[in-house]
Amino acid sequence: MNDRLNPLAPDYSHYQLVSVSLLRVLVGWHLLYEGMAKLAYSNWTSAAYLLDSKWIFSGVAKWIVTNPGLLSFVDTLNMWGLTLIGLSLMFGLMSRWGSIAGACLLVVYYLFHPPLVGLDYSKPPEGSYLLVDKNLVEALADPLVHLIRNSVDHGIEMPDVRMQQGKEKEGRVLLSASQE
């Protein structure tokens, strides 16, 4: 990255910057779209989604639905949370907090409706596949954007500082995943 634009930014390639920015904008657009669609439909409620929950939080979901005040709060939080997180990610405004909030919200969606074998839902959600669904993918994408965009805060020093410390000039952020 051009040091004139941000002297604290590590040297990312143009491809890396465009890829991470595009990922952030696309996830933001999807969340914004979902939030706006719920806001536009005045009768929208999460009750059907919550009642269809079959995993560890099914009791919590049923409790939320039986309490009208709490359901209204959850619906409002859901609609405005999706909308504001989407705006944050799309326009890069407080994107660190938007990424964290988006990941938390998507993990909650996943825990209430996981695509696990043996859990038959009345209407399978779109993008729902065995063990991995779109909520899980987006929940992993948000922290990835957060980590890459903020790698200076997570331990990557500027090249001259790295060399003074006896490290290689270029730092590397290595992300890996495995399943046992």
C-alpha atoms as a PDB file:
ATOM      1  CA  MET A   1       0.000   0.000   0.000  1.00  0.00           C
ATOM      2  CA  ASN A   2       1.190   3.503  -0.700  1.00  0.00           C
ATOM      3  CA  ASP A   3       2.859   4.862   2.451  1.00  0.00           C
ATOM      4  CA  ARG A   4       1.585   8.353   1.618  1.00  0.00           C
ATOM      5  CA  LEU A   5      -1.991   7.152   2.222  1.00  0.00           C
ATOM      6  CA  ASN A   6      -1.438   5.393   5.522  1.00  0.00           C
ATOM      7  CA  PRO A   7       2.044   5.175   7.055  1.00  0.00           C
ATOM      8  CA  LEU A   8       0.950   2.491   9.546  1.00  0.00           C
ATOM      9  CA  ALA A   9      -0.466   0.092   6.949  1.00  0.00           C
ATOM     10  CA  PRO A  10       1.586  -2.965   6.016  1.00  0.00           C
ATOM     11  CA  ASP A  11       2.483  -3.471   2.366  1.00  0.00           C
ATOM     12  CA  TYR A  12      -0.486  -5.350   0.951  1.00  0.00           C
ATOM     13  CA  SER A  13      -0.690  -6.105  -2.723  1.00  0.00           C
ATOM     14  CA  HIS A  14      -3.392  -4.415  -4.744  1.00  0.00           C
ATOM     15  CA  TYR A  15      -5.076  -7.815  -5.173  1.00  0.00           C
ATOM     16  CA  GLN A  16      -5.183  -8.417  -1.404  1.00  0.00           C
ATOM     17  CA  LEU A  17      -6.679  -5.004  -0.701  1.00  0.00           C
ATOM     18  CA  VAL A  18      -9.278  -5.341  -3.422  1.00  0.00           C
ATOM     19  CA  SER A  19     -10.186  -8.901  -2.320  1.00  0.00           C
ATOM     20  CA  VAL A  20     -10.667  -8.033   1.340  1.00  0.00           C
ATOM     21  CA  SER A  21     -12.562  -4.850   0.505  1.00  0.00           C
ATOM     22  CA  LEU A  22     -14.796  -6.702  -1.948  1.00  0.00           C
ATOM     23  CA  LEU A  23     -15.509  -9.417   0.632  1.00  0.00           C
ATOM     24  CA  ARG A  24     -16.426  -6.767   3.208  1.00  0.00           C
ATOM     25  CA  VAL A  25     -18.713  -4.937   0.783  1.00  0.00           C
ATOM     26  CA  LEU A  26     -20.455  -8.128  -0.400  1.00  0.00           C
ATOM     27  CA  VAL A  27     -21.126  -9.415   3.109  1.00  0.00           C
ATOM     28  CA  GLY A  28     -22.271  -5.913   4.066  1.00  0.00           C
ATOM     29  CA  TRP A  29     -24.585  -5.729   1.063  1.00  0.00           C
ATOM     30  CA  HIS A  30     -26.165  -9.070   1.961  1.00  0.00           C
ATOM     31  CA  LEU A  31     -26.759  -8.061   5.585  1.00  0.00           C
ATOM     32  CA  LEU A  32     -28.082  -4.644   4.536  1.00  0.00           C
ATOM     33  CA  TYR A  33     -30.443  -6.273   2.037  1.00  0.00           C
ATOM     34  CA  GLU A  34     -31.760  -8.714   4.664  1.00  0.00           C
ATOM     35  CA  GLY A  35     -32.284  -5.914   7.182  1.00  0.00           C
ATOM     36  CA  MET A  36     -33.998  -3.582   4.699  1.00  0.00           C
ATOM     37  CA  ALA A  37     -36.273  -6.384   3.459  1.00  0.00           C
ATOM     38  CA  LYS A  38     -37.394  -7.053   7.026  1.00  0.00           C
ATOM     39  CA  LEU A  39     -37.928  -3.335   7.694  1.00  0.00           C
ATOM     40  CA  ALA A  40     -39.934  -2.923   4.476  1.00  0.00           C
ATOM     41  CA  TYR A  41     -42.327  -5.741   5.370  1.00  0.00           C
ATOM     42  CA  SER A  42     -44.314  -4.270   8.273  1.00  0.00           C
ATOM     43  CA  ASN A  43     -45.654  -7.662   9.460  1.00  0.00           C
ATOM     44  CA  TRP A  44     -42.272  -9.400   9.557  1.00  0.00           C
ATOM     45  CA  THR A  45     -41.472 -11.324  12.722  1.00  0.00           C
ATOM     46  CA  SER A  46     -38.860 -13.886  13.679  1.00  0.00           C
ATOM     47  CA  ALA A  47     -41.479 -16.041  15.442  1.00  0.00           C
ATOM     48  CA  ALA A  48     -41.693 -18.741  12.734  1.00  0.00           C
ATOM     49  CA  TYR A  49     -37.886 -18.991  12.509  1.00  0.00           C
ATOM     50  CA  LEU A  50     -37.585 -19.242  16.290  1.00  0.00           C
ATOM     51  CA  LEU A  51     -40.375 -21.809  16.640  1.00  0.00           C
ATOM     52  CA  ASP A  52     -38.664 -23.989  14.027  1.00  0.00           C
ATOM     53  CA  SER A  53     -35.452 -24.113  16.098  1.00  0.00           C
ATOM     54  CA  LYS A  54     -34.550 -27.710  16.957  1.00  0.00           C
ATOM     55  CA  TRP A  55     -31.132 -27.608  18.559  1.00  0.00           C
ATOM     56  CA  ILE A  56     -29.709 -26.497  21.928  1.00  0.00           C
ATOM     57  CA  PHE A  57     -31.466 -23.116  21.938  1.00  0.00           C
ATOM     58  CA  SER A  58     -34.940 -24.368  21.014  1.00  0.00           C
ATOM     59  CA  GLY A  59     -36.172 -23.774  24.586  1.00  0.00           C
ATOM     60  CA  VAL A  60     -34.858 -20.210  24.538  1.00  0.00           C
ATOM     61  CA  ALA A  61     -36.475 -19.651  21.135  1.00  0.00           C
ATOM     62  CA  LYS A  62     -39.872 -20.843  22.349  1.00  0.00           C
ATOM     63  CA  TRP A  63     -39.557 -18.657  25.464  1.00  0.00           C
ATOM     64  CA  ILE A  64     -38.830 -15.594  23.283  1.00  0.00           C
ATOM     65  CA  VAL A  65     -41.900 -16.290  21.137  1.00  0.00           C
ATOM     66  CA  THR A  66     -44.212 -16.699  24.164  1.00  0.00           C
ATOM     67  CA  ASN A  67     -43.194 -13.273  25.506  1.00  0.00           C
ATOM     68  CA  PRO A  68     -44.622 -10.622  23.090  1.00  0.00           C
ATOM     69  CA  GLY A  69     -42.509  -7.775  24.471  1.00  0.00           C
ATOM     70  CA  LEU A  70     -39.304  -9.774  24.175  1.00  0.00           C
ATOM     71  CA  LEU A  71     -40.233 -10.975  20.669  1.00  0.00           C
ATOM     72  CA  SER A  72     -40.847  -7.376  19.587  1.00  0.00           C
ATOM     73  CA  PHE A  73     -37.444  -6.385  21.019  1.00  0.00           C
ATOM     74  CA  VAL A  74     -35.700  -9.292  19.262  1.00  0.00           C
ATOM     75  CA  ASP A  75     -37.425  -8.424  15.968  1.00  0.00           C
ATOM     76  CA  THR A  76     -36.405  -4.761  16.219  1.00  0.00           C
ATOM     77  CA  LEU A  77     -32.856  -5.685  17.189  1.00  0.00           C
ATOM     78  CA  ASN A  78     -32.687  -8.133  14.281  1.00  0.00           C
ATOM     79  CA  MET A  79     -34.018  -5.701  11.647  1.00  0.00           C
ATOM     80  CA  TRP A  80     -31.959  -2.708  12.717  1.00  0.00           C
ATOM     81  CA  GLY A  81     -28.893  -4.792  13.606  1.00  0.00           C
ATOM     82  CA  LEU A  82     -28.745  -6.306  10.121  1.00  0.00           C
ATOM     83  CA  THR A  83     -29.296  -2.901   8.525  1.00  0.00           C
ATOM     84  CA  LEU A  84     -26.686  -1.038  10.580  1.00  0.00           C
ATOM     85  CA  ILE A  85     -24.090  -3.807  10.377  1.00  0.00           C
ATOM     86  CA  GLY A  86     -24.633  -3.954   6.604  1.00  0.00           C
ATOM     87  CA  LEU A  87     -24.158  -0.183   6.286  1.00  0.00           C
ATOM     88  CA  SER A  88     -21.041  -0.346   8.452  1.00  0.00           C
ATOM     89  CA  LEU A  89     -19.442  -3.040   6.311  1.00  0.00           C
ATOM     90  CA  MET A  90     -20.522  -1.633   2.957  1.00  0.00           C
ATOM     91  CA  PHE A  91     -19.243   1.876   3.596  1.00  0.00           C
ATOM     92  CA  GLY A  92     -16.320   1.014   5.884  1.00  0.00           C
ATOM     93  CA  LEU A  93     -17.715   3.032   8.796  1.00  0.00           C
ATOM     94  CA  MET A  94     -16.619   1.492  12.096  1.00  0.00           C
ATOM     95  CA  SER A  95     -16.054  -1.714  10.136  1.00  0.00           C
ATOM     96  CA  ARG A  96     -14.095  -3.295  12.996  1.00  0.00           C
ATOM     97  CA  TRP A  97     -17.170  -3.158  15.255  1.00  0.00           C
ATOM     98  CA  GLY A  98     -19.447  -4.003  12.339  1.00  0.00           C
ATOM     99  CA  SER A  99     -17.386  -7.136  11.629  1.00  0.00           C
ATOM    100  CA  ILE A 100     -17.495  -8.249  15.255  1.00  0.00           C
ATOM    101  CA  ALA A 101     -21.236  -7.551  15.629  1.00  0.00           C
ATOM    102  CA  GLY A 102     -21.985  -9.248  12.294  1.00  0.00           C
ATOM    103  CA  ALA A 103     -20.028 -12.358  13.245  1.00  0.00           C
ATOM    104  CA  CYS A 104     -21.825 -12.570  16.602  1.00  0.00           C
ATOM    105  CA  LEU A 105     -25.249 -12.155  14.988  1.00  0.00           C
ATOM    106  CA  LEU A 106     -24.523 -14.797  12.356  1.00  0.00           C
ATOM    107  CA  VAL A 107     -23.243 -17.255  14.965  1.00  0.00           C
ATOM    108  CA  VAL A 108     -26.529 -16.796  16.875  1.00  0.00           C
ATOM    109  CA  TYR A 109     -28.460 -17.541  13.648  1.00  0.00           C
ATOM    110  CA  TYR A 110     -26.330 -20.648  13.128  1.00  0.00           C
ATOM    111  CA  LEU A 111     -26.860 -21.885  16.687  1.00  0.00           C
ATOM    112  CA  PHE A 112     -30.635 -21.487  16.427  1.00  0.00           C
ATOM    113  CA  HIS A 113     -30.833 -23.217  13.023  1.00  0.00           C
ATOM    114  CA  PRO A 114     -27.742 -25.380  12.369  1.00  0.00           C
ATOM    115  CA  PRO A 115     -27.736 -27.581   9.252  1.00  0.00           C
ATOM    116  CA  LEU A 116     -27.031 -30.799  11.137  1.00  0.00           C
ATOM    117  CA  VAL A 117     -27.975 -34.342  10.194  1.00  0.00           C
ATOM    118  CA  GLY A 118     -31.187 -35.438  11.882  1.00  0.00           C
ATOM    119  CA  LEU A 119     -32.605 -31.948  12.343  1.00  0.00           C
ATOM    120  CA  ASP A 120     -35.537 -31.665   9.957  1.00  0.00           C
ATOM    121  CA  TYR A 121     -36.930 -28.176   9.644  1.00  0.00           C
ATOM    122  CA  SER A 122     -40.408 -27.385   8.339  1.00  0.00           C
ATOM    123  CA  LYS A 123     -38.816 -25.183   5.671  1.00  0.00           C
ATOM    124  CA  PRO A 124     -35.083 -25.621   5.131  1.00  0.00           C
ATOM    125  CA  PRO A 125     -33.451 -22.193   4.953  1.00  0.00           C
ATOM    126  CA  GLU A 126     -31.899 -21.160   1.645  1.00  0.00           C
ATOM    127  CA  GLY A 127     -28.148 -21.705   1.648  1.00  0.00           C
ATOM    128  CA  SER A 128     -28.393 -24.468   4.227  1.00  0.00           C
ATOM    129  CA  TYR A 129     -26.077 -27.416   3.668  1.00  0.00           C
ATOM    130  CA  LEU A 130     -24.617 -30.186   5.808  1.00  0.00           C
ATOM    131  CA  LEU A 131     -22.612 -28.602   8.678  1.00  0.00           C
ATOM    132  CA  VAL A 132     -21.779 -25.445   6.708  1.00  0.00           C
ATOM    133  CA  ASP A 133     -24.376 -22.908   5.660  1.00  0.00           C
ATOM    134  CA  LYS A 134     -24.267 -19.304   4.469  1.00  0.00           C
ATOM    135  CA  ASN A 135     -24.543 -17.997   8.049  1.00  0.00           C
ATOM    136  CA  LEU A 136     -21.435 -19.903   9.100  1.00  0.00           C
ATOM    137  CA  VAL A 137     -19.487 -18.792   6.019  1.00  0.00           C
ATOM    138  CA  GLU A 138     -20.404 -15.149   6.628  1.00  0.00           C
ATOM    139  CA  ALA A 139     -19.709 -15.519  10.353  1.00  0.00           C
ATOM    140  CA  LEU A 140     -16.175 -16.651   9.460  1.00  0.00           C
ATOM    141  CA  ALA A 141     -15.739 -13.966   6.784  1.00  0.00           C
ATOM    142  CA  ASP A 142     -16.390 -11.084   9.196  1.00  0.00           C
ATOM    143  CA  PRO A 143     -13.555 -11.922  11.625  1.00  0.00           C
ATOM    144  CA  LEU A 144     -11.283 -12.644   8.655  1.00  0.00           C
ATOM    145  CA  VAL A 145     -11.888  -9.127   7.336  1.00  0.00           C
ATOM    146  CA  HIS A 146     -11.298  -7.785  10.845  1.00  0.00           C
ATOM    147  CA  LEU A 147      -7.996  -9.669  11.271  1.00  0.00           C
ATOM    148  CA  ILE A 148      -6.562  -8.830   7.876  1.00  0.00           C
ATOM    149  CA  ARG A 149      -7.542  -5.161   7.902  1.00  0.00           C
ATOM    150  CA  ASN A 150      -6.176  -4.725  11.411  1.00  0.00           C
ATOM    151  CA  SER A 151      -3.060  -6.879  11.242  1.00  0.00           C
ATOM    152  CA  VAL A 152      -0.913  -4.028  12.544  1.00  0.00           C
ATOM    153  CA  ASP A 153      -2.925  -4.166  15.767  1.00  0.00           C
ATOM    154  CA  HIS A 154      -2.508  -7.945  15.838  1.00  0.00           C
ATOM    155  CA  GLY A 155       1.280  -8.034  15.746  1.00  0.00           C
ATOM    156  CA  ILE A 156       2.618  -7.044  12.318  1.00  0.00           C
ATOM    157  CA  GLU A 157       5.146  -4.241  12.672  1.00  0.00           C
ATOM    158  CA  MET A 158       6.413  -1.860  10.014  1.00  0.00           C
ATOM    159  CA  PRO A 159       9.369  -3.236   7.950  1.00  0.00           C
ATOM    160  CA  ASP A 160      12.005  -0.970   9.554  1.00  0.00           C
ATOM    161  CA  VAL A 161      10.818  -1.894  13.068  1.00  0.00           C
ATOM    162  CA  ARG A 162      10.854  -5.613  12.162  1.00  0.00           C
ATOM    163  CA  MET A 163      14.441  -5.370  10.878  1.00  0.00           C
ATOM    164  CA  GLN A 164      15.581  -3.545  14.049  1.00  0.00           C
ATOM    165  CA  GLN A 165      14.115  -6.431  16.069  1.00  0.00           C
ATOM    166  CA  GLY A 166      16.034  -8.984  13.994  1.00  0.00           C
ATOM    167  CA  LYS A 167      12.968 -10.195  12.128  1.00  0.00           C
ATOM    168  CA  GLU A 168      12.463 -10.574   8.401  1.00  0.00           C
ATOM    169  CA  LYS A 169      11.481  -7.367   6.610  1.00  0.00           C
ATOM    170  CA  GLU A 170       8.064  -8.711   5.568  1.00  0.00           C
ATOM    171  CA  GLY A 171       5.603 -10.026   8.142  1.00  0.00           C
ATOM    172  CA  ARG A 172       3.007 -12.635   7.387  1.00  0.00           C
ATOM    173  CA  VAL A 173      -0.496 -13.274   8.741  1.00  0.00           C
ATOM    174  CA  LEU A 174      -1.133 -17.008   8.501  1.00  0.00           C
ATOM    175  CA  LEU A 175      -4.689 -18.237   8.873  1.00  0.00           C
ATOM    176  CA  SER A 176      -5.373 -21.944   8.908  1.00  0.00           C
ATOM    177  CA  ALA A 177      -8.268 -24.206   9.698  1.00  0.00           C
ATOM    178  CA  SER A 178      -8.436 -27.922  10.392  1.00  0.00           C
ATOM    179  CA  GLN A 179     -10.885 -30.565  11.434  1.00  0.00           C
ATOM    180  CA  GLU A 180     -10.040 -33.493  13.674  1.00  0.00           C
END
